[in-house]
């Protein structure tokens, strides 16, 4: 994937990347330099991360089941008749 640096030094991440990482307006990213590379990391100190591990799913329910209920069928899921 390519990105172009705008006049004010801004770049735009593709929707696919934002969706895959759960990036929304206001998400904090940590910027690191590694030689000639720029590394962006999602700040783990957000509200969702603070709640991670505090809730138990009912027996037999997976996180995939919950995500499908919230977002609908995922790409690659079988189509139910």
PDB file of N, CA and C in Angstrom:
ATOM      1  N   UNK A   1       0.837  -1.170   0.000  1.00  0.00           N
ATOM      2  CA  UNK A   1       0.000   0.000   0.000  1.00  0.00           C
ATOM      3  C   UNK A   1       0.886   1.239   0.000  1.00  0.00           C
ATOM      4  N   UNK A   2       0.481   2.227  -0.741  1.00  0.00           N
ATOM      5  CA  UNK A   2       1.212   3.488  -0.796  1.00  0.00           C
ATOM      6  C   UNK A   2       0.401   4.592  -0.124  1.00  0.00           C
ATOM      7  N   UNK A   3       1.092   5.575   0.394  1.00  0.00           N
ATOM      8  CA  UNK A   3       0.462   6.766   0.967  1.00  0.00           C
ATOM      9  C   UNK A   3       1.314   7.960   0.570  1.00  0.00           C
ATOM     10  N   UNK A   4       0.660   9.085   0.359  1.00  0.00           N
ATOM     11  CA  UNK A   4       1.358  10.302  -0.030  1.00  0.00           C
ATOM     12  C   UNK A   4       1.329  11.289   1.132  1.00  0.00           C
ATOM     13  N   UNK A   5       2.445  11.908   1.393  1.00  0.00           N
ATOM     14  CA  UNK A   5       2.512  12.913   2.449  1.00  0.00           C
ATOM     15  C   UNK A   5       1.940  14.216   1.901  1.00  0.00           C
ATOM     16  N   UNK A   6       0.955  14.772   2.593  1.00  0.00           N
ATOM     17  CA  UNK A   6       0.311  16.016   2.174  1.00  0.00           C
ATOM     18  C   UNK A   6       1.165  17.215   2.589  1.00  0.00           C
ATOM     19  N   UNK A   7       0.745  18.380   2.175  1.00  0.00           N
ATOM     20  CA  UNK A   7       1.488  19.615   2.419  1.00  0.00           C
ATOM     21  C   UNK A   7       1.802  19.832   3.898  1.00  0.00           C
ATOM     22  N   UNK A   8       0.868  19.495   4.765  1.00  0.00           N
ATOM     23  CA  UNK A   8       1.065  19.726   6.195  1.00  0.00           C
ATOM     24  C   UNK A   8       1.655  18.507   6.899  1.00  0.00           C
ATOM     25  N   UNK A   9       2.177  17.541   6.149  1.00  0.00           N
ATOM     26  CA  UNK A   9       2.807  16.372   6.741  1.00  0.00           C
ATOM     27  C   UNK A   9       1.842  15.258   7.094  1.00  0.00           C
ATOM     28  N   UNK A  10       0.605  15.363   6.651  1.00  0.00           N
ATOM     29  CA  UNK A  10      -0.392  14.352   6.975  1.00  0.00           C
ATOM     30  C   UNK A  10      -0.395  13.240   5.935  1.00  0.00           C
ATOM     31  N   UNK A  11      -0.753  12.021   6.393  1.00  0.00           N
ATOM     32  CA  UNK A  11      -0.970  10.913   5.473  1.00  0.00           C
ATOM     33  C   UNK A  11      -2.357  10.353   5.742  1.00  0.00           C
ATOM     34  N   UNK A  12      -2.909   9.661   4.769  1.00  0.00           N
ATOM     35  CA  UNK A  12      -4.207   9.019   4.931  1.00  0.00           C
ATOM     36  C   UNK A  12      -4.014   7.518   4.879  1.00  0.00           C
ATOM     37  N   UNK A  13      -4.516   6.822   5.898  1.00  0.00           N
ATOM     38  CA  UNK A  13      -4.487   5.368   5.917  1.00  0.00           C
ATOM     39  C   UNK A  13      -5.731   4.862   5.196  1.00  0.00           C
ATOM     40  N   UNK A  14      -5.585   3.812   4.425  1.00  0.00           N
ATOM     41  CA  UNK A  14      -6.727   3.289   3.670  1.00  0.00           C
ATOM     42  C   UNK A  14      -7.807   2.793   4.628  1.00  0.00           C
ATOM     43  N   UNK A  15      -9.032   2.756   4.137  1.00  0.00           N
ATOM     44  CA  UNK A  15     -10.157   2.290   4.942  1.00  0.00           C
ATOM     45  C   UNK A  15      -9.929   0.856   5.397  1.00  0.00           C
ATOM     46  N   UNK A  16      -9.339   0.033   4.536  1.00  0.00           N
ATOM     47  CA  UNK A  16      -9.079  -1.365   4.903  1.00  0.00           C
ATOM     48  C   UNK A  16      -8.165  -1.443   6.119  1.00  0.00           C
ATOM     49  N   UNK A  17      -7.137  -0.607   6.160  1.00  0.00           N
ATOM     50  CA  UNK A  17      -6.211  -0.598   7.299  1.00  0.00           C
ATOM     51  C   UNK A  17      -6.923  -0.081   8.546  1.00  0.00           C
ATOM     52  N   UNK A  18      -7.661   1.009   8.404  1.00  0.00           N
ATOM     53  CA  UNK A  18      -8.377   1.570   9.564  1.00  0.00           C
ATOM     54  C   UNK A  18      -9.369   0.565  10.132  1.00  0.00           C
ATOM     55  N   UNK A  19     -10.109  -0.102   9.247  1.00  0.00           N
ATOM     56  CA  UNK A  19     -11.089  -1.085   9.706  1.00  0.00           C
ATOM     57  C   UNK A  19     -10.412  -2.274  10.378  1.00  0.00           C
ATOM     58  N   UNK A  20      -9.325  -2.762   9.785  1.00  0.00           N
ATOM     59  CA  UNK A  20      -8.629  -3.933  10.332  1.00  0.00           C
ATOM     60  C   UNK A  20      -8.084  -3.664  11.728  1.00  0.00           C
ATOM     61  N   UNK A  21      -7.673  -2.425  11.984  1.00  0.00           N
ATOM     62  CA  UNK A  21      -7.086  -2.082  13.275  1.00  0.00           C
ATOM     63  C   UNK A  21      -8.066  -1.397  14.224  1.00  0.00           C
ATOM     64  N   UNK A  22      -9.281  -1.176  13.744  1.00  0.00           N
ATOM     65  CA  UNK A  22     -10.269  -0.513  14.590  1.00  0.00           C
ATOM     66  C   UNK A  22      -9.940   0.944  14.850  1.00  0.00           C
ATOM     67  N   UNK A  23      -9.323   1.610  13.885  1.00  0.00           N
ATOM     68  CA  UNK A  23      -8.955   3.014  14.049  1.00  0.00           C
ATOM     69  C   UNK A  23     -10.139   3.899  13.696  1.00  0.00           C
ATOM     70  N   UNK A  24     -10.498   4.784  14.601  1.00  0.00           N
ATOM     71  CA  UNK A  24     -11.578   5.732  14.362  1.00  0.00           C
ATOM     72  C   UNK A  24     -11.060   7.137  14.655  1.00  0.00           C
ATOM     73  N   UNK A  25     -11.869   8.127  14.340  1.00  0.00           N
ATOM     74  CA  UNK A  25     -11.477   9.505  14.600  1.00  0.00           C
ATOM     75  C   UNK A  25     -11.105   9.662  16.068  1.00  0.00           C
ATOM     76  N   UNK A  26      -9.940  10.214  16.328  1.00  0.00           N
ATOM     77  CA  UNK A  26      -9.492  10.438  17.693  1.00  0.00           C
ATOM     78  C   UNK A  26      -8.638   9.325  18.278  1.00  0.00           C
ATOM     79  N   UNK A  27      -8.490   8.197  17.556  1.00  0.00           N
ATOM     80  CA  UNK A  27      -7.635   7.116  18.049  1.00  0.00           C
ATOM     81  C   UNK A  27      -6.203   7.617  18.126  1.00  0.00           C
ATOM     82  N   UNK A  28      -5.554   7.392  19.258  1.00  0.00           N
ATOM     83  CA  UNK A  28      -4.170   7.817  19.429  1.00  0.00           C
ATOM     84  C   UNK A  28      -3.217   6.769  18.885  1.00  0.00           C
ATOM     85  N   UNK A  29      -2.245   7.203  18.112  1.00  0.00           N
ATOM     86  CA  UNK A  29      -1.218   6.330  17.573  1.00  0.00           C
ATOM     87  C   UNK A  29       0.132   6.781  18.112  1.00  0.00           C
ATOM     88  N   UNK A  30       0.985   5.824  18.424  1.00  0.00           N
ATOM     89  CA  UNK A  30       2.354   6.113  18.827  1.00  0.00           C
ATOM     90  C   UNK A  30       3.214   6.014  17.577  1.00  0.00           C
ATOM     91  N   UNK A  31       4.068   7.012  17.359  1.00  0.00           N
ATOM     92  CA  UNK A  31       4.951   7.032  16.197  1.00  0.00           C
ATOM     93  C   UNK A  31       6.362   6.707  16.658  1.00  0.00           C
ATOM     94  N   UNK A  32       6.968   5.690  16.035  1.00  0.00           N
ATOM     95  CA  UNK A  32       8.332   5.299  16.366  1.00  0.00           C
ATOM     96  C   UNK A  32       9.172   5.322  15.092  1.00  0.00           C
ATOM     97  N   UNK A  33      10.434   5.661  15.241  1.00  0.00           N
ATOM     98  CA  UNK A  33      11.369   5.614  14.120  1.00  0.00           C
ATOM     99  C   UNK A  33      12.294   4.430  14.325  1.00  0.00           C
ATOM    100  N   UNK A  34      12.496   3.657  13.265  1.00  0.00           N
ATOM    101  CA  UNK A  34      13.378   2.493  13.302  1.00  0.00           C
ATOM    102  C   UNK A  34      14.263   2.573  12.065  1.00  0.00           C
ATOM    103  N   UNK A  35      15.384   3.251  12.215  1.00  0.00           N
ATOM    104  CA  UNK A  35      16.242   3.476  11.051  1.00  0.00           C
ATOM    105  C   UNK A  35      15.495   4.336  10.048  1.00  0.00           C
ATOM    106  N   UNK A  36      15.286   3.820   8.860  1.00  0.00           N
ATOM    107  CA  UNK A  36      14.562   4.558   7.823  1.00  0.00           C
ATOM    108  C   UNK A  36      13.088   4.224   7.774  1.00  0.00           C
ATOM    109  N   UNK A  37      12.565   3.556   8.816  1.00  0.00           N
ATOM    110  CA  UNK A  37      11.156   3.165   8.826  1.00  0.00           C
ATOM    111  C   UNK A  37      10.378   3.946   9.879  1.00  0.00           C
ATOM    112  N   UNK A  38       9.110   4.163   9.585  1.00  0.00           N
ATOM    113  CA  UNK A  38       8.187   4.770  10.541  1.00  0.00           C
ATOM    114  C   UNK A  38       7.238   3.663  10.991  1.00  0.00           C
ATOM    115  N   UNK A  39       7.096   3.504  12.296  1.00  0.00           N
ATOM    116  CA  UNK A  39       6.204   2.490  12.840  1.00  0.00           C
ATOM    117  C   UNK A  39       5.087   3.210  13.586  1.00  0.00           C
ATOM    118  N   UNK A  40       3.845   2.916  13.208  1.00  0.00           N
ATOM    119  CA  UNK A  40       2.679   3.465  13.897  1.00  0.00           C
ATOM    120  C   UNK A  40       2.074   2.352  14.734  1.00  0.00           C
ATOM    121  N   UNK A  41       1.839   2.636  16.009  1.00  0.00           N
ATOM    122  CA  UNK A  41       1.218   1.654  16.891  1.00  0.00           C
ATOM    123  C   UNK A  41      -0.033   2.261  17.512  1.00  0.00           C
ATOM    124  N   UNK A  42      -1.089   1.474  17.524  1.00  0.00           N
ATOM    125  CA  UNK A  42      -2.315   1.904  18.178  1.00  0.00           C
ATOM    126  C   UNK A  42      -2.043   1.993  19.670  1.00  0.00           C
ATOM    127  N   UNK A  43      -2.433   3.093  20.278  1.00  0.00           N
ATOM    128  CA  UNK A  43      -2.230   3.284  21.711  1.00  0.00           C
ATOM    129  C   UNK A  43      -3.084   2.271  22.456  1.00  0.00           C
ATOM    130  N   UNK A  44      -2.451   1.415  23.240  1.00  0.00           N
ATOM    131  CA  UNK A  44      -3.165   0.351  23.949  1.00  0.00           C
ATOM    132  C   UNK A  44      -3.923   0.874  25.159  1.00  0.00           C
ATOM    133  N   UNK A  45      -3.787   2.144  25.471  1.00  0.00           N
ATOM    134  CA  UNK A  45      -4.448   2.703  26.643  1.00  0.00           C
ATOM    135  C   UNK A  45      -5.750   3.385  26.251  1.00  0.00           C
ATOM    136  N   UNK A  46      -6.550   2.717  25.410  1.00  0.00           N
ATOM    137  CA  UNK A  46      -7.846   3.278  25.059  1.00  0.00           C
ATOM    138  C   UNK A  46      -8.927   2.568  25.866  1.00  0.00           C
ATOM    139  N   UNK A  47     -10.149   3.003  25.763  1.00  0.00           N
ATOM    140  CA  UNK A  47     -11.234   2.481  26.598  1.00  0.00           C
ATOM    141  C   UNK A  47     -11.437   0.984  26.406  1.00  0.00           C
ATOM    142  N   UNK A  48     -11.393   0.511  25.181  1.00  0.00           N
ATOM    143  CA  UNK A  48     -11.609  -0.910  24.927  1.00  0.00           C
ATOM    144  C   UNK A  48     -10.491  -1.739  25.549  1.00  0.00           C
ATOM    145  N   UNK A  49      -9.263  -1.299  25.391  1.00  0.00           N
ATOM    146  CA  UNK A  49      -8.140  -2.048  25.950  1.00  0.00           C
ATOM    147  C   UNK A  49      -8.205  -2.107  27.471  1.00  0.00           C
ATOM    148  N   UNK A  50      -8.686  -1.050  28.097  1.00  0.00           N
ATOM    149  CA  UNK A  50      -8.785  -1.056  29.558  1.00  0.00           C
ATOM    150  C   UNK A  50      -9.825  -2.054  30.046  1.00  0.00           C
ATOM    151  N   UNK A  51     -10.822  -2.355  29.194  1.00  0.00           N
ATOM    152  CA  UNK A  51     -11.871  -3.293  29.579  1.00  0.00           C
ATOM    153  C   UNK A  51     -11.543  -4.735  29.214  1.00  0.00           C
ATOM    154  N   UNK A  52     -10.494  -4.929  28.430  1.00  0.00           N
ATOM    155  CA  UNK A  52     -10.155  -6.272  27.956  1.00  0.00           C
ATOM    156  C   UNK A  52      -9.973  -7.231  29.133  1.00  0.00           C
ATOM    157  N   UNK A  53     -10.626  -8.403  29.033  1.00  0.00           N
ATOM    158  CA  UNK A  53     -10.490  -9.435  30.043  1.00  0.00           C
ATOM    159  C   UNK A  53     -11.428  -9.303  31.224  1.00  0.00           C
ATOM    160  N   UNK A  54     -12.275  -8.288  31.250  1.00  0.00           N
ATOM    161  CA  UNK A  54     -13.163  -8.090  32.397  1.00  0.00           C
ATOM    162  C   UNK A  54     -14.512  -8.776  32.243  1.00  0.00           C
ATOM    163  N   UNK A  55     -14.841  -9.212  31.034  1.00  0.00           N
ATOM    164  CA  UNK A  55     -16.142  -9.824  30.794  1.00  0.00           C
ATOM    165  C   UNK A  55     -15.961 -11.249  30.302  1.00  0.00           C
ATOM    166  N   UNK A  56     -16.850 -12.126  30.736  1.00  0.00           N
ATOM    167  CA  UNK A  56     -16.829 -13.519  30.312  1.00  0.00           C
ATOM    168  C   UNK A  56     -17.965 -13.744  29.317  1.00  0.00           C
ATOM    169  N   UNK A  57     -17.674 -14.502  28.259  1.00  0.00           N
ATOM    170  CA  UNK A  57     -18.703 -14.863  27.289  1.00  0.00           C
ATOM    171  C   UNK A  57     -19.457 -16.082  27.798  1.00  0.00           C
ATOM    172  N   UNK A  58     -20.727 -16.188  27.431  1.00  0.00           N
ATOM    173  CA  UNK A  58     -21.473 -17.390  27.805  1.00  0.00           C
ATOM    174  C   UNK A  58     -20.826 -18.632  27.185  1.00  0.00           C
ATOM    175  N   UNK A  59     -21.026 -19.773  27.819  1.00  0.00           N
ATOM    176  CA  UNK A  59     -20.463 -21.023  27.317  1.00  0.00           C
ATOM    177  C   UNK A  59     -20.931 -21.269  25.878  1.00  0.00           C
ATOM    178  N   UNK A  60     -19.999 -21.654  25.027  1.00  0.00           N
ATOM    179  CA  UNK A  60     -20.330 -21.973  23.642  1.00  0.00           C
ATOM    180  C   UNK A  60     -20.372 -20.767  22.715  1.00  0.00           C
ATOM    181  N   UNK A  61     -20.179 -19.559  23.232  1.00  0.00           N
ATOM    182  CA  UNK A  61     -20.191 -18.340  22.410  1.00  0.00           C
ATOM    183  C   UNK A  61     -18.750 -17.872  22.222  1.00  0.00           C
ATOM    184  N   UNK A  62     -18.380 -17.586  20.973  1.00  0.00           N
ATOM    185  CA  UNK A  62     -17.024 -17.118  20.687  1.00  0.00           C
ATOM    186  C   UNK A  62     -17.042 -15.627  20.371  1.00  0.00           C
ATOM    187  N   UNK A  63     -15.871 -15.022  20.391  1.00  0.00           N
ATOM    188  CA  UNK A  63     -15.789 -13.611  20.002  1.00  0.00           C
ATOM    189  C   UNK A  63     -16.197 -13.437  18.547  1.00  0.00           C
ATOM    190  N   UNK A  64     -15.922 -14.443  17.706  1.00  0.00           N
ATOM    191  CA  UNK A  64     -16.365 -14.376  16.310  1.00  0.00           C
ATOM    192  C   UNK A  64     -17.889 -14.299  16.229  1.00  0.00           C
ATOM    193  N   UNK A  65     -18.579 -15.064  17.075  1.00  0.00           N
ATOM    194  CA  UNK A  65     -20.044 -15.013  17.104  1.00  0.00           C
ATOM    195  C   UNK A  65     -20.529 -13.607  17.454  1.00  0.00           C
ATOM    196  N   UNK A  66     -19.909 -13.001  18.455  1.00  0.00           N
ATOM    197  CA  UNK A  66     -20.287 -11.648  18.876  1.00  0.00           C
ATOM    198  C   UNK A  66     -20.026 -10.650  17.763  1.00  0.00           C
ATOM    199  N   UNK A  67     -18.864 -10.760  17.100  1.00  0.00           N
ATOM    200  CA  UNK A  67     -18.519  -9.822  16.024  1.00  0.00           C
ATOM    201  C   UNK A  67     -19.494  -9.962  14.859  1.00  0.00           C
ATOM    202  N   UNK A  68     -19.892 -11.195  14.525  1.00  0.00           N
ATOM    203  CA  UNK A  68     -20.865 -11.386  13.443  1.00  0.00           C
ATOM    204  C   UNK A  68     -22.209 -10.772  13.819  1.00  0.00           C
ATOM    205  N   UNK A  69     -22.583 -10.893  15.087  1.00  0.00           N
ATOM    206  CA  UNK A  69     -23.845 -10.308  15.535  1.00  0.00           C
ATOM    207  C   UNK A  69     -23.797  -8.779  15.423  1.00  0.00           C
ATOM    208  N   UNK A  70     -22.646  -8.194  15.745  1.00  0.00           N
ATOM    209  CA  UNK A  70     -22.504  -6.741  15.696  1.00  0.00           C
ATOM    210  C   UNK A  70     -22.311  -6.211  14.282  1.00  0.00           C
ATOM    211  N   UNK A  71     -21.469  -6.893  13.491  1.00  0.00           N
ATOM    212  CA  UNK A  71     -21.060  -6.370  12.186  1.00  0.00           C
ATOM    213  C   UNK A  71     -21.688  -7.066  10.996  1.00  0.00           C
ATOM    214  N   UNK A  72     -22.282  -8.223  11.210  1.00  0.00           N
ATOM    215  CA  UNK A  72     -22.811  -8.995  10.091  1.00  0.00           C
ATOM    216  C   UNK A  72     -21.784 -10.011   9.618  1.00  0.00           C
ATOM    217  N   UNK A  73     -22.103 -10.648   8.532  1.00  0.00           N
ATOM    218  CA  UNK A  73     -21.242 -11.706   7.991  1.00  0.00           C
ATOM    219  C   UNK A  73     -19.892 -11.166   7.605  1.00  0.00           C
ATOM    220  N   UNK A  74     -18.842 -11.899   7.985  1.00  0.00           N
ATOM    221  CA  UNK A  74     -17.473 -11.507   7.649  1.00  0.00           C
ATOM    222  C   UNK A  74     -17.109 -12.036   6.275  1.00  0.00           C
ATOM    223  N   UNK A  75     -16.177 -11.361   5.568  1.00  0.00           N
ATOM    224  CA  UNK A  75     -15.722 -11.887   4.275  1.00  0.00           C
ATOM    225  C   UNK A  75     -15.190 -13.308   4.465  1.00  0.00           C
ATOM    226  N   UNK A  76     -15.584 -14.191   3.584  1.00  0.00           N
ATOM    227  CA  UNK A  76     -15.124 -15.571   3.664  1.00  0.00           C
ATOM    228  C   UNK A  76     -16.037 -16.475   4.475  1.00  0.00           C
ATOM    229  N   UNK A  77     -17.007 -15.892   5.213  1.00  0.00           N
ATOM    230  CA  UNK A  77     -17.968 -16.719   5.935  1.00  0.00           C
ATOM    231  C   UNK A  77     -18.876 -17.421   4.931  1.00  0.00           C
ATOM    232  N   UNK A  78     -19.306 -18.634   5.234  1.00  0.00           N
ATOM    233  CA  UNK A  78     -20.245 -19.306   4.334  1.00  0.00           C
ATOM    234  C   UNK A  78     -21.581 -18.570   4.350  1.00  0.00           C
ATOM    235  N   UNK A  79     -22.226 -18.551   3.209  1.00  0.00           N
ATOM    236  CA  UNK A  79     -23.538 -17.903   3.094  1.00  0.00           C
ATOM    237  C   UNK A  79     -24.593 -18.917   3.508  1.00  0.00           C
ATOM    238  N   UNK A  80     -25.403 -18.526   4.483  1.00  0.00           N
ATOM    239  CA  UNK A  80     -26.459 -19.431   4.957  1.00  0.00           C
ATOM    240  C   UNK A  80     -27.636 -19.360   4.018  1.00  0.00           C
ATOM    241  N   UNK A  81     -28.262 -20.519   3.719  1.00  0.00           N
ATOM    242  CA  UNK A  81     -29.410 -20.534   2.794  1.00  0.00           C
ATOM    243  C   UNK A  81     -30.636 -19.877   3.379  1.00  0.00           C
TER     244      UNK A  81
END
